[in-house]
Structures are given as C-alpha cells and as structure tokens.
Amino acid sequence: MELLNEDEIVSIEIDLEQLKENELNESFLTMFGTGIKLILDRMFGGRVASPLSMVVKGRSGDIKSFARTLGREKKYLEASKKYGLDNPKTFGDKRKLEKAIAGFEKDTGLKWPFK
C-alpha cells in the first residue's frame, strides 16, 4: 500500500492471497487494517481530499466476502452513529456484521482486523 500527499492519489492495494501467505506477519496485518480503515474513512467522507485508487486482489469468492463484510462494517458504523450503541437497529446491524466477519474468516482463512 502506498500513500501519497494530499495533492496526489491515495492508492490502496489489498491482495488477499498475499495476506494469506503472510498472515502471521504483523506488518501485513497492519497494512490490511490500515487499508480497510482508509476505505471506511472515505465511505464516510473522511478528511482525505485526494482521489482514492483501490484494488482488491484475490479469488472471486474471497473478494465478494471482503466486499460484503466491508459493507456490513459501514452499515453498523452508520447505525451506531445515527441511533447509538444501545438501539435495536444497531444491535441488528452488529449481528449482521458479526455474521459477515465469520463468513469472511471462514471463506478466506484471514482474521478481520476490527472486532
């Protein structure tokens, strides 16, 4: 993953197959978590003003599982922000996120970096 200054494109590359090979390597796990954080930050209109270039590589099923889990992460964060953590809507979205995380971890063999 390469981050450039604000006047340039922010480039994120997540290679799920490479992560599988290096899962025990803390720098790869940190990079994975940082990439997801930047994507979520952009989804919520975060401070990064420059264009975002994102590539997710891997098997088709793994990429779909990644996208599903990222989407559930976003929905849960939106619900918690809008309704608060003790709202039934937020609890429902949290359960859906936990199910998506379990599916991602089962599909890919990788740990989701946020819990």
C-alpha atoms as a PDB file:
ATOM      1  CA  MET A   1       0.000   0.000   0.000  1.00  0.00           C
ATOM      2  CA  GLU A   2       1.302   3.410  -0.933  1.00  0.00           C
ATOM      3  CA  LEU A   3       0.065   6.704   0.484  1.00  0.00           C
ATOM      4  CA  LEU A   4       0.881   9.940  -1.269  1.00  0.00           C
ATOM      5  CA  ASN A   5       0.481  13.545  -0.192  1.00  0.00           C
ATOM      6  CA  GLU A   6      -2.893  15.305  -0.326  1.00  0.00           C
ATOM      7  CA  ASP A   7      -2.328  16.643  -3.833  1.00  0.00           C
ATOM      8  CA  GLU A   8      -1.895  13.161  -5.237  1.00  0.00           C
ATOM      9  CA  ILE A   9      -3.940   9.986  -5.494  1.00  0.00           C
ATOM     10  CA  VAL A  10      -4.215   7.795  -2.395  1.00  0.00           C
ATOM     11  CA  SER A  11      -3.578   4.250  -3.590  1.00  0.00           C
ATOM     12  CA  ILE A  12      -4.743   1.202  -1.665  1.00  0.00           C
ATOM     13  CA  GLU A  13      -3.988  -2.326  -2.799  1.00  0.00           C
ATOM     14  CA  ILE A  14      -5.225  -5.272  -0.776  1.00  0.00           C
ATOM     15  CA  ASP A  15      -4.030  -8.641  -2.035  1.00  0.00           C
ATOM     16  CA  LEU A  16      -5.959 -11.294  -0.119  1.00  0.00           C
ATOM     17  CA  GLU A  17      -3.795 -14.126  -1.456  1.00  0.00           C
ATOM     18  CA  GLN A  18      -0.635 -12.350  -0.297  1.00  0.00           C
ATOM     19  CA  LEU A  19      -2.230 -11.761   3.094  1.00  0.00           C
ATOM     20  CA  LYS A  20      -2.986 -15.491   3.362  1.00  0.00           C
ATOM     21  CA  GLU A  21       0.668 -16.291   2.739  1.00  0.00           C
ATOM     22  CA  ASN A  22       1.874 -13.727   5.286  1.00  0.00           C
ATOM     23  CA  GLU A  23      -0.938 -13.783   7.847  1.00  0.00           C
ATOM     24  CA  LEU A  24       1.435 -14.187  10.786  1.00  0.00           C
ATOM     25  CA  ASN A  25       3.480 -11.215   9.607  1.00  0.00           C
ATOM     26  CA  GLU A  26       2.321  -8.244  11.690  1.00  0.00           C
ATOM     27  CA  SER A  27       3.221  -5.689   9.021  1.00  0.00           C
ATOM     28  CA  PHE A  28       0.854  -7.330   6.520  1.00  0.00           C
ATOM     29  CA  LEU A  29      -1.950  -7.394   9.104  1.00  0.00           C
ATOM     30  CA  THR A  30      -1.304  -3.736   9.909  1.00  0.00           C
ATOM     31  CA  MET A  31      -1.382  -2.880   6.211  1.00  0.00           C
ATOM     32  CA  PHE A  32      -4.665  -4.777   5.808  1.00  0.00           C
ATOM     33  CA  GLY A  33      -6.257  -2.949   8.741  1.00  0.00           C
ATOM     34  CA  THR A  34      -4.953   0.415   7.557  1.00  0.00           C
ATOM     35  CA  GLY A  35      -6.323  -0.188   4.068  1.00  0.00           C
ATOM     36  CA  ILE A  36      -9.767  -1.026   5.426  1.00  0.00           C
ATOM     37  CA  LYS A  37      -9.683   1.999   7.723  1.00  0.00           C
ATOM     38  CA  LEU A  38      -8.878   4.306   4.789  1.00  0.00           C
ATOM     39  CA  ILE A  39     -11.687   2.795   2.718  1.00  0.00           C
ATOM     40  CA  LEU A  40     -14.181   3.251   5.561  1.00  0.00           C
ATOM     41  CA  ASP A  41     -12.902   6.776   6.171  1.00  0.00           C
ATOM     42  CA  ARG A  42     -13.568   7.599   2.526  1.00  0.00           C
ATOM     43  CA  MET A  43     -17.041   5.994   2.677  1.00  0.00           C
ATOM     44  CA  PHE A  44     -17.906   8.386   5.492  1.00  0.00           C
ATOM     45  CA  GLY A  45     -16.469  11.442   3.749  1.00  0.00           C
ATOM     46  CA  GLY A  46     -13.289  11.449   5.781  1.00  0.00           C
ATOM     47  CA  ARG A  47     -10.563  14.023   5.749  1.00  0.00           C
ATOM     48  CA  VAL A  48      -8.683  12.647   2.730  1.00  0.00           C
ATOM     49  CA  ALA A  49      -9.496  15.097  -0.064  1.00  0.00           C
ATOM     50  CA  SER A  50      -7.439  13.482  -2.793  1.00  0.00           C
ATOM     51  CA  PRO A  51      -8.754  10.827  -5.199  1.00  0.00           C
ATOM     52  CA  LEU A  52      -8.756   7.234  -3.979  1.00  0.00           C
ATOM     53  CA  SER A  53      -7.470   4.367  -6.085  1.00  0.00           C
ATOM     54  CA  MET A  54      -8.364   0.974  -4.645  1.00  0.00           C
ATOM     55  CA  VAL A  55      -7.579  -2.525  -5.871  1.00  0.00           C
ATOM     56  CA  VAL A  56      -8.592  -5.713  -4.081  1.00  0.00           C
ATOM     57  CA  LYS A  57      -6.966  -8.839  -5.477  1.00  0.00           C
ATOM     58  CA  GLY A  58      -7.745 -12.459  -4.769  1.00  0.00           C
ATOM     59  CA  ARG A  59     -10.151 -15.244  -5.586  1.00  0.00           C
ATOM     60  CA  SER A  60     -13.586 -14.091  -6.700  1.00  0.00           C
ATOM     61  CA  GLY A  61     -15.360 -15.591  -3.666  1.00  0.00           C
ATOM     62  CA  ASP A  62     -12.858 -14.002  -1.286  1.00  0.00           C
ATOM     63  CA  ILE A  63     -13.333 -10.584  -2.880  1.00  0.00           C
ATOM     64  CA  LYS A  64     -17.121 -10.904  -2.630  1.00  0.00           C
ATOM     65  CA  SER A  65     -16.815 -11.895   1.029  1.00  0.00           C
ATOM     66  CA  PHE A  66     -14.491  -8.934   1.643  1.00  0.00           C
ATOM     67  CA  ALA A  67     -16.931  -6.513  -0.030  1.00  0.00           C
ATOM     68  CA  ARG A  68     -19.898  -7.947   1.908  1.00  0.00           C
ATOM     69  CA  THR A  69     -18.051  -7.604   5.210  1.00  0.00           C
ATOM     70  CA  LEU A  70     -16.866  -4.082   4.414  1.00  0.00           C
ATOM     71  CA  GLY A  71     -20.444  -3.115   3.550  1.00  0.00           C
ATOM     72  CA  ARG A  72     -21.721  -4.570   6.831  1.00  0.00           C
ATOM     73  CA  GLU A  73     -18.990  -2.696   8.698  1.00  0.00           C
ATOM     74  CA  LYS A  74     -20.211   0.527   7.103  1.00  0.00           C
ATOM     75  CA  LYS A  75     -23.879  -0.175   7.924  1.00  0.00           C
ATOM     76  CA  TYR A  76     -23.040  -0.940  11.544  1.00  0.00           C
ATOM     77  CA  LEU A  77     -20.979   2.248  11.916  1.00  0.00           C
ATOM     78  CA  GLU A  78     -23.779   4.288  10.337  1.00  0.00           C
ATOM     79  CA  ALA A  79     -26.386   2.767  12.673  1.00  0.00           C
ATOM     80  CA  SER A  80     -24.252   3.307  15.760  1.00  0.00           C
ATOM     81  CA  LYS A  81     -23.676   6.927  14.782  1.00  0.00           C
ATOM     82  CA  LYS A  82     -27.349   7.578  13.964  1.00  0.00           C
ATOM     83  CA  TYR A  83     -29.125   5.562  16.681  1.00  0.00           C
ATOM     84  CA  GLY A  84     -26.497   4.962  19.372  1.00  0.00           C
ATOM     85  CA  LEU A  85     -24.984   1.692  20.541  1.00  0.00           C
ATOM     86  CA  ASP A  86     -27.961   0.591  22.634  1.00  0.00           C
ATOM     87  CA  ASN A  87     -30.586   0.802  19.875  1.00  0.00           C
ATOM     88  CA  PRO A  88     -32.205  -2.407  18.499  1.00  0.00           C
ATOM     89  CA  LYS A  89     -31.346  -1.317  14.920  1.00  0.00           C
ATOM     90  CA  THR A  90     -27.696  -1.048  15.899  1.00  0.00           C
ATOM     91  CA  PHE A  91     -27.806  -4.457  17.615  1.00  0.00           C
ATOM     92  CA  GLY A  92     -29.280  -5.975  14.447  1.00  0.00           C
ATOM     93  CA  ASP A  93     -26.580  -4.441  12.279  1.00  0.00           C
ATOM     94  CA  LYS A  94     -23.935  -5.633  14.719  1.00  0.00           C
ATOM     95  CA  ARG A  95     -25.237  -9.222  14.455  1.00  0.00           C
ATOM     96  CA  LYS A  96     -25.192  -8.979  10.651  1.00  0.00           C
ATOM     97  CA  LEU A  97     -21.635  -7.636  10.800  1.00  0.00           C
ATOM     98  CA  GLU A  98     -20.545 -10.470  13.096  1.00  0.00           C
ATOM     99  CA  LYS A  99     -22.079 -12.983  10.678  1.00  0.00           C
ATOM    100  CA  ALA A 100     -20.292 -11.334   7.729  1.00  0.00           C
ATOM    101  CA  ILE A 101     -16.992 -11.359   9.647  1.00  0.00           C
ATOM    102  CA  ALA A 102     -17.405 -15.053  10.473  1.00  0.00           C
ATOM    103  CA  GLY A 103     -18.129 -15.734   6.794  1.00  0.00           C
ATOM    104  CA  PHE A 104     -15.105 -13.735   5.661  1.00  0.00           C
ATOM    105  CA  GLU A 105     -12.844 -15.529   8.118  1.00  0.00           C
ATOM    106  CA  LYS A 106     -14.212 -18.917   7.055  1.00  0.00           C
ATOM    107  CA  ASP A 107     -14.005 -18.125   3.330  1.00  0.00           C
ATOM    108  CA  THR A 108     -10.507 -16.638   3.370  1.00  0.00           C
ATOM    109  CA  GLY A 109      -8.815 -18.041   6.468  1.00  0.00           C
ATOM    110  CA  LEU A 110      -7.897 -14.430   7.361  1.00  0.00           C
ATOM    111  CA  LYS A 111      -8.832 -12.588  10.532  1.00  0.00           C
ATOM    112  CA  TRP A 112     -10.931  -9.428  10.094  1.00  0.00           C
ATOM    113  CA  PRO A 113      -8.825  -6.695  11.711  1.00  0.00           C
ATOM    114  CA  PHE A 114     -11.649  -4.988  13.646  1.00  0.00           C
ATOM    115  CA  LYS A 115     -13.830  -6.560  16.340  1.00  0.00           C
END
